[in-house]
Amino acid sequence: AGAVRLAGIAGLIAGSFSMAAGEYISMRAQ
């Protein structure tokens, strides 16, 4: 269960930062 929790938390954090970075770069370039 600890491994699943860790994966879920990592997915949340990594995905959120990835989405934010991608949106920022896209909007900034535009």
Full PDB file with SEQRES, HELIX, SHEET, SSBOND, CRYST1, ORIGX, SCALE, CONECT and MASTER records, all heavy atoms in Angstrom:
SEQRES   1 A   30  ALA GLY ALA VAL ARG LEU ALA GLY ILE ALA GLY LEU ILE          
SEQRES   2 A   30  ALA GLY SER PHE SER MET ALA ALA GLY GLU TYR ILE SER          
SEQRES   3 A   30  MET ARG ALA GLN                                              
HELIX    1 AA1 GLY A    2  ALA A   29  1                                  28    
CRYST1    1.000    1.000    1.000  90.00  90.00  90.00 P 1           1          
ORIGX1      1.000000  0.000000  0.000000        0.00000                         
ORIGX2      0.000000  1.000000  0.000000        0.00000                         
ORIGX3      0.000000  0.000000  1.000000        0.00000                         
SCALE1      1.000000  0.000000  0.000000        0.00000                         
SCALE2      0.000000  1.000000  0.000000        0.00000                         
SCALE3      0.000000  0.000000  1.000000        0.00000                         
ATOM      1  N   ALA A   1       0.832  -1.201   0.000  1.00  0.00           N  
ATOM      2  CA  ALA A   1       0.000   0.000   0.000  1.00  0.00           C  
ATOM      3  C   ALA A   1       0.868   1.253   0.000  1.00  0.00           C  
ATOM      4  O   ALA A   1       0.527   2.257  -0.622  1.00  0.00           O  
ATOM      5  CB  ALA A   1      -0.934  -0.002   1.214  1.00  0.00           C  
ATOM      6  N   GLY A   2       2.001   1.174   0.691  1.00  0.00           N  
ATOM      7  CA  GLY A   2       2.910   2.320   0.732  1.00  0.00           C  
ATOM      8  C   GLY A   2       3.456   2.653  -0.638  1.00  0.00           C  
ATOM      9  O   GLY A   2       3.600   3.829  -0.993  1.00  0.00           O  
ATOM     10  N   ALA A   3       3.736   1.622  -1.430  1.00  0.00           N  
ATOM     11  CA  ALA A   3       4.254   1.842  -2.785  1.00  0.00           C  
ATOM     12  C   ALA A   3       3.188   2.474  -3.673  1.00  0.00           C  
ATOM     13  O   ALA A   3       3.481   3.351  -4.497  1.00  0.00           O  
ATOM     14  CB  ALA A   3       4.720   0.528  -3.389  1.00  0.00           C  
ATOM     15  N   VAL A   4       1.937   2.035  -3.501  1.00  0.00           N  
ATOM     16  CA  VAL A   4       0.847   2.616  -4.282  1.00  0.00           C  
ATOM     17  C   VAL A   4       0.648   4.076  -3.903  1.00  0.00           C  
ATOM     18  O   VAL A   4       0.481   4.947  -4.766  1.00  0.00           O  
ATOM     19  CB  VAL A   4      -0.466   1.833  -4.070  1.00  0.00           C  
ATOM     20  CG1 VAL A   4      -1.603   2.501  -4.853  1.00  0.00           C  
ATOM     21  CG2 VAL A   4      -0.304   0.384  -4.507  1.00  0.00           C  
ATOM     22  N   ARG A   5       0.679   4.352  -2.592  1.00  0.00           N  
ATOM     23  CA  ARG A   5       0.534   5.735  -2.139  1.00  0.00           C  
ATOM     24  C   ARG A   5       1.654   6.611  -2.689  1.00  0.00           C  
ATOM     25  O   ARG A   5       1.422   7.735  -3.147  1.00  0.00           O  
ATOM     26  CB  ARG A   5       0.535   5.801  -0.606  1.00  0.00           C  
ATOM     27  CG  ARG A   5      -0.795   5.445   0.023  1.00  0.00           C  
ATOM     28  CD  ARG A   5      -0.807   5.839   1.489  1.00  0.00           C  
ATOM     29  NE  ARG A   5       0.128   5.035   2.269  1.00  0.00           N  
ATOM     30  CZ  ARG A   5      -0.178   3.881   2.841  1.00  0.00           C  
ATOM     31  NH1 ARG A   5      -1.405   3.385   2.705  1.00  0.00           N  
ATOM     32  NH2 ARG A   5       0.718   3.222   3.540  1.00  0.00           N  
ATOM     33  N   LEU A   6       2.877   6.096  -2.625  1.00  0.00           N  
ATOM     34  CA  LEU A   6       4.017   6.856  -3.127  1.00  0.00           C  
ATOM     35  C   LEU A   6       3.869   7.134  -4.621  1.00  0.00           C  
ATOM     36  O   LEU A   6       4.118   8.257  -5.091  1.00  0.00           O  
ATOM     37  CB  LEU A   6       5.316   6.087  -2.871  1.00  0.00           C  
ATOM     38  CG  LEU A   6       6.597   6.746  -3.403  1.00  0.00           C  
ATOM     39  CD1 LEU A   6       6.785   8.112  -2.754  1.00  0.00           C  
ATOM     40  CD2 LEU A   6       7.806   5.848  -3.131  1.00  0.00           C  
ATOM     41  N   ALA A   7       3.445   6.134  -5.370  1.00  0.00           N  
ATOM     42  CA  ALA A   7       3.261   6.308  -6.811  1.00  0.00           C  
ATOM     43  C   ALA A   7       2.170   7.337  -7.086  1.00  0.00           C  
ATOM     44  O   ALA A   7       2.312   8.191  -7.971  1.00  0.00           O  
ATOM     45  CB  ALA A   7       2.906   4.980  -7.462  1.00  0.00           C  
ATOM     46  N   GLY A   8       1.078   7.258  -6.314  1.00  0.00           N  
ATOM     47  CA  GLY A   8      -0.018   8.199  -6.510  1.00  0.00           C  
ATOM     48  C   GLY A   8       0.384   9.632  -6.189  1.00  0.00           C  
ATOM     49  O   GLY A   8       0.036  10.565  -6.926  1.00  0.00           O  
ATOM     50  N   ILE A   9       1.122   9.806  -5.089  1.00  0.00           N  
ATOM     51  CA  ILE A   9       1.581  11.142  -4.713  1.00  0.00           C  
ATOM     52  C   ILE A   9       2.578  11.671  -5.741  1.00  0.00           C  
ATOM     53  O   ILE A   9       2.532  12.837  -6.139  1.00  0.00           O  
ATOM     54  CB  ILE A   9       2.204  11.119  -3.303  1.00  0.00           C  
ATOM     55  CG1 ILE A   9       1.115  10.821  -2.260  1.00  0.00           C  
ATOM     56  CG2 ILE A   9       2.880  12.454  -2.992  1.00  0.00           C  
ATOM     57  CD1 ILE A   9       1.656  10.563  -0.863  1.00  0.00           C  
ATOM     58  N   ALA A  10       3.495  10.793  -6.166  1.00  0.00           N  
ATOM     59  CA  ALA A  10       4.481  11.199  -7.176  1.00  0.00           C  
ATOM     60  C   ALA A  10       3.795  11.573  -8.484  1.00  0.00           C  
ATOM     61  O   ALA A  10       4.163  12.555  -9.141  1.00  0.00           O  
ATOM     62  CB  ALA A  10       5.486  10.076  -7.409  1.00  0.00           C  
ATOM     63  N   GLY A  11       2.769  10.792  -8.853  1.00  0.00           N  
ATOM     64  CA  GLY A  11       2.029  11.094 -10.080  1.00  0.00           C  
ATOM     65  C   GLY A  11       1.310  12.420  -9.985  1.00  0.00           C  
ATOM     66  O   GLY A  11       1.273  13.188 -10.952  1.00  0.00           O  
ATOM     67  N   LEU A  12       0.762  12.700  -8.809  1.00  0.00           N  
ATOM     68  CA  LEU A  12       0.060  13.974  -8.602  1.00  0.00           C  
ATOM     69  C   LEU A  12       1.021  15.150  -8.725  1.00  0.00           C  
ATOM     70  O   LEU A  12       0.754  16.112  -9.446  1.00  0.00           O  
ATOM     71  CB  LEU A  12      -0.614  13.970  -7.227  1.00  0.00           C  
ATOM     72  CG  LEU A  12      -1.506  15.151  -6.853  1.00  0.00           C  
ATOM     73  CD1 LEU A  12      -2.525  14.727  -5.800  1.00  0.00           C  
ATOM     74  CD2 LEU A  12      -0.702  16.347  -6.331  1.00  0.00           C  
ATOM     75  N   ILE A  13       2.143  15.067  -8.004  1.00  0.00           N  
ATOM     76  CA  ILE A  13       3.098  16.176  -7.993  1.00  0.00           C  
ATOM     77  C   ILE A  13       3.767  16.349  -9.356  1.00  0.00           C  
ATOM     78  O   ILE A  13       3.821  17.455  -9.913  1.00  0.00           O  
ATOM     79  CB  ILE A  13       4.161  15.960  -6.902  1.00  0.00           C  
ATOM     80  CG1 ILE A  13       3.500  15.988  -5.521  1.00  0.00           C  
ATOM     81  CG2 ILE A  13       5.250  17.028  -6.985  1.00  0.00           C  
ATOM     82  CD1 ILE A  13       4.427  15.616  -4.380  1.00  0.00           C  
ATOM     83  N   ALA A  14       4.269  15.236  -9.912  1.00  0.00           N  
ATOM     84  CA  ALA A  14       4.969  15.312 -11.194  1.00  0.00           C  
ATOM     85  C   ALA A  14       4.036  15.764 -12.310  1.00  0.00           C  
ATOM     86  O   ALA A  14       4.401  16.614 -13.142  1.00  0.00           O  
ATOM     87  CB  ALA A  14       5.574  13.952 -11.538  1.00  0.00           C  
ATOM     88  N   GLY A  15       2.825  15.231 -12.308  1.00  0.00           N  
ATOM     89  CA  GLY A  15       1.875  15.604 -13.350  1.00  0.00           C  
ATOM     90  C   GLY A  15       1.459  17.061 -13.252  1.00  0.00           C  
ATOM     91  O   GLY A  15       1.332  17.749 -14.265  1.00  0.00           O  
ATOM     92  N   SER A  16       1.256  17.532 -12.020  1.00  0.00           N  
ATOM     93  CA  SER A  16       0.851  18.929 -11.825  1.00  0.00           C  
ATOM     94  C   SER A  16       1.935  19.886 -12.297  1.00  0.00           C  
ATOM     95  O   SER A  16       1.659  20.878 -12.993  1.00  0.00           O  
ATOM     96  CB  SER A  16       0.538  19.190 -10.349  1.00  0.00           C  
ATOM     97  OG  SER A  16      -0.552  18.405  -9.914  1.00  0.00           O  
ATOM     98  N   PHE A  17       3.176  19.597 -11.927  1.00  0.00           N  
ATOM     99  CA  PHE A  17       4.282  20.459 -12.353  1.00  0.00           C  
ATOM    100  C   PHE A  17       4.491  20.371 -13.864  1.00  0.00           C  
ATOM    101  O   PHE A  17       4.789  21.374 -14.520  1.00  0.00           O  
ATOM    102  CB  PHE A  17       5.570  20.097 -11.623  1.00  0.00           C  
ATOM    103  CG  PHE A  17       5.709  20.767 -10.287  1.00  0.00           C  
ATOM    104  CD1 PHE A  17       5.546  20.050  -9.114  1.00  0.00           C  
ATOM    105  CD2 PHE A  17       5.990  22.126 -10.196  1.00  0.00           C  
ATOM    106  CE1 PHE A  17       5.653  20.675  -7.877  1.00  0.00           C  
ATOM    107  CE2 PHE A  17       6.102  22.759  -8.972  1.00  0.00           C  
ATOM    108  CZ  PHE A  17       5.937  22.032  -7.801  1.00  0.00           C  
ATOM    109  N   SER A  18       4.323  19.177 -14.406  1.00  0.00           N  
ATOM    110  CA  SER A  18       4.486  19.001 -15.852  1.00  0.00           C  
ATOM    111  C   SER A  18       3.428  19.789 -16.620  1.00  0.00           C  
ATOM    112  O   SER A  18       3.730  20.477 -17.599  1.00  0.00           O  
ATOM    113  CB  SER A  18       4.393  17.517 -16.207  1.00  0.00           C  
ATOM    114  OG  SER A  18       4.457  17.328 -17.608  1.00  0.00           O  
ATOM    115  N   MET A  19       2.188  19.698 -16.159  1.00  0.00           N  
ATOM    116  CA  MET A  19       1.112  20.433 -16.818  1.00  0.00           C  
ATOM    117  C   MET A  19       1.333  21.941 -16.708  1.00  0.00           C  
ATOM    118  O   MET A  19       1.149  22.685 -17.675  1.00  0.00           O  
ATOM    119  CB  MET A  19      -0.228  20.061 -16.171  1.00  0.00           C  
ATOM    120  CG  MET A  19      -0.732  18.681 -16.542  1.00  0.00           C  
ATOM    121  SD  MET A  19      -1.261  18.566 -18.277  1.00  0.00           S  
ATOM    122  CE  MET A  19      -2.736  19.596 -18.224  1.00  0.00           C  
ATOM    123  N   ALA A  20       1.744  22.383 -15.511  1.00  0.00           N  
ATOM    124  CA  ALA A  20       1.973  23.811 -15.300  1.00  0.00           C  
ATOM    125  C   ALA A  20       3.114  24.314 -16.174  1.00  0.00           C  
ATOM    126  O   ALA A  20       3.017  25.378 -16.801  1.00  0.00           O  
ATOM    127  CB  ALA A  20       2.276  24.084 -13.828  1.00  0.00           C  
ATOM    128  N   ALA A  21       4.206  23.548 -16.217  1.00  0.00           N  
ATOM    129  CA  ALA A  21       5.361  23.952 -17.023  1.00  0.00           C  
ATOM    130  C   ALA A  21       5.011  23.982 -18.507  1.00  0.00           C  
ATOM    131  O   ALA A  21       5.363  24.923 -19.231  1.00  0.00           O  
ATOM    132  CB  ALA A  21       6.529  22.995 -16.791  1.00  0.00           C  
ATOM    133  N   GLY A  22       4.296  22.959 -18.968  1.00  0.00           N  
ATOM    134  CA  GLY A  22       3.906  22.907 -20.371  1.00  0.00           C  
ATOM    135  C   GLY A  22       2.979  24.061 -20.747  1.00  0.00           C  
ATOM    136  O   GLY A  22       3.137  24.672 -21.804  1.00  0.00           O  
ATOM    137  N   GLU A  23       2.021  24.361 -19.856  1.00  0.00           N  
ATOM    138  CA  GLU A  23       1.090  25.459 -20.128  1.00  0.00           C  
ATOM    139  C   GLU A  23       1.807  26.797 -20.119  1.00  0.00           C  
ATOM    140  O   GLU A  23       1.531  27.669 -20.957  1.00  0.00           O  
ATOM    141  CB  GLU A  23      -0.022  25.458 -19.074  1.00  0.00           C  
ATOM    142  CG  GLU A  23      -1.178  26.385 -19.376  1.00  0.00           C  
ATOM    143  CD  GLU A  23      -2.010  25.919 -20.560  1.00  0.00           C  
ATOM    144  OE1 GLU A  23      -1.965  24.721 -20.902  1.00  0.00           O  
ATOM    145  OE2 GLU A  23      -2.703  26.758 -21.153  1.00  0.00           O  
ATOM    146  N   TYR A  24       2.747  26.966 -19.172  1.00  0.00           N  
ATOM    147  CA  TYR A  24       3.480  28.225 -19.093  1.00  0.00           C  
ATOM    148  C   TYR A  24       4.311  28.460 -20.347  1.00  0.00           C  
ATOM    149  O   TYR A  24       4.286  29.547 -20.934  1.00  0.00           O  
ATOM    150  CB  TYR A  24       4.394  28.234 -17.868  1.00  0.00           C  
ATOM    151  CG  TYR A  24       5.218  29.501 -17.760  1.00  0.00           C  
ATOM    152  CD1 TYR A  24       4.685  30.648 -17.177  1.00  0.00           C  
ATOM    153  CD2 TYR A  24       6.513  29.562 -18.271  1.00  0.00           C  
ATOM    154  CE1 TYR A  24       5.423  31.823 -17.105  1.00  0.00           C  
ATOM    155  CE2 TYR A  24       7.260  30.731 -18.202  1.00  0.00           C  
ATOM    156  CZ  TYR A  24       6.719  31.857 -17.618  1.00  0.00           C  
ATOM    157  OH  TYR A  24       7.462  33.015 -17.559  1.00  0.00           O  
ATOM    158  N   ILE A  25       5.053  27.425 -20.752  1.00  0.00           N  
ATOM    159  CA  ILE A  25       5.910  27.554 -21.939  1.00  0.00           C  
ATOM    160  C   ILE A  25       5.073  27.829 -23.178  1.00  0.00           C  
ATOM    161  O   ILE A  25       5.409  28.675 -24.010  1.00  0.00           O  
ATOM    162  CB  ILE A  25       6.758  26.280 -22.128  1.00  0.00           C  
ATOM    163  CG1 ILE A  25       7.784  26.157 -20.990  1.00  0.00           C  
ATOM    164  CG2 ILE A  25       7.473  26.306 -23.476  1.00  0.00           C  
ATOM    165  CD1 ILE A  25       8.519  24.845 -20.967  1.00  0.00           C  
ATOM    166  N   SER A  26       3.950  27.102 -23.304  1.00  0.00           N  
ATOM    167  CA  SER A  26       3.078  27.287 -24.467  1.00  0.00           C  
ATOM    168  C   SER A  26       2.507  28.694 -24.510  1.00  0.00           C  
ATOM    169  O   SER A  26       2.555  29.374 -25.547  1.00  0.00           O  
ATOM    170  CB  SER A  26       1.944  26.263 -24.415  1.00  0.00           C  
ATOM    171  OG  SER A  26       1.014  26.488 -25.453  1.00  0.00           O  
ATOM    172  N   MET A  27       1.965  29.144 -23.370  1.00  0.00           N  
ATOM    173  CA  MET A  27       1.370  30.482 -23.324  1.00  0.00           C  
ATOM    174  C   MET A  27       2.422  31.575 -23.483  1.00  0.00           C  
ATOM    175  O   MET A  27       2.174  32.603 -24.109  1.00  0.00           O  
ATOM    176  CB  MET A  27       0.627  30.663 -22.001  1.00  0.00           C  
ATOM    177  CG  MET A  27      -0.701  29.930 -21.929  1.00  0.00           C  
ATOM    178  SD  MET A  27      -1.931  30.613 -23.063  1.00  0.00           S  
ATOM    179  CE  MET A  27      -2.186  32.238 -22.345  1.00  0.00           C  
ATOM    180  N   ARG A  28       3.602  31.346 -22.885  1.00  0.00           N  
ATOM    181  CA  ARG A  28       4.665  32.338 -22.991  1.00  0.00           C  
ATOM    182  C   ARG A  28       5.123  32.491 -24.441  1.00  0.00           C  
ATOM    183  O   ARG A  28       5.326  33.612 -24.933  1.00  0.00           O  
ATOM    184  CB  ARG A  28       5.849  31.928 -22.122  1.00  0.00           C  
ATOM    185  CG  ARG A  28       6.903  33.013 -21.961  1.00  0.00           C  
ATOM    186  CD  ARG A  28       6.356  34.203 -21.218  1.00  0.00           C  
ATOM    187  NE  ARG A  28       7.314  35.290 -21.132  1.00  0.00           N  
ATOM    188  CZ  ARG A  28       7.039  36.463 -20.597  1.00  0.00           C  
ATOM    189  NH1 ARG A  28       5.838  36.700 -20.098  1.00  0.00           N  
ATOM    190  NH2 ARG A  28       7.953  37.409 -20.558  1.00  0.00           N  
ATOM    191  N   ALA A  29       5.293  31.359 -25.127  1.00  0.00           N  
ATOM    192  CA  ALA A  29       5.708  31.401 -26.529  1.00  0.00           C  
ATOM    193  C   ALA A  29       4.643  32.087 -27.381  1.00  0.00           C  
ATOM    194  O   ALA A  29       4.961  32.897 -28.265  1.00  0.00           O  
ATOM    195  CB  ALA A  29       5.964  29.986 -27.041  1.00  0.00           C  
ATOM    196  N   GLN A  30       3.377  31.779 -27.106  1.00  0.00           N  
ATOM    197  CA  GLN A  30       2.291  32.412 -27.855  1.00  0.00           C  
ATOM    198  C   GLN A  30       2.260  33.910 -27.599  1.00  0.00           C  
ATOM    199  O   GLN A  30       2.084  34.708 -28.526  1.00  0.00           O  
ATOM    200  CB  GLN A  30       0.964  31.790 -27.427  1.00  0.00           C  
ATOM    201  CG  GLN A  30      -0.254  32.420 -28.081  1.00  0.00           C  
ATOM    202  CD  GLN A  30      -1.542  31.766 -27.633  1.00  0.00           C  
ATOM    203  OE1 GLN A  30      -1.701  30.557 -27.706  1.00  0.00           O  
ATOM    204  NE2 GLN A  30      -2.481  32.570 -27.147  1.00  0.00           N  
TER     205      GLN A  30                                                      
MASTER        0    0    0    1    0    0    0    6  204    1    0    3          
END                                                                             
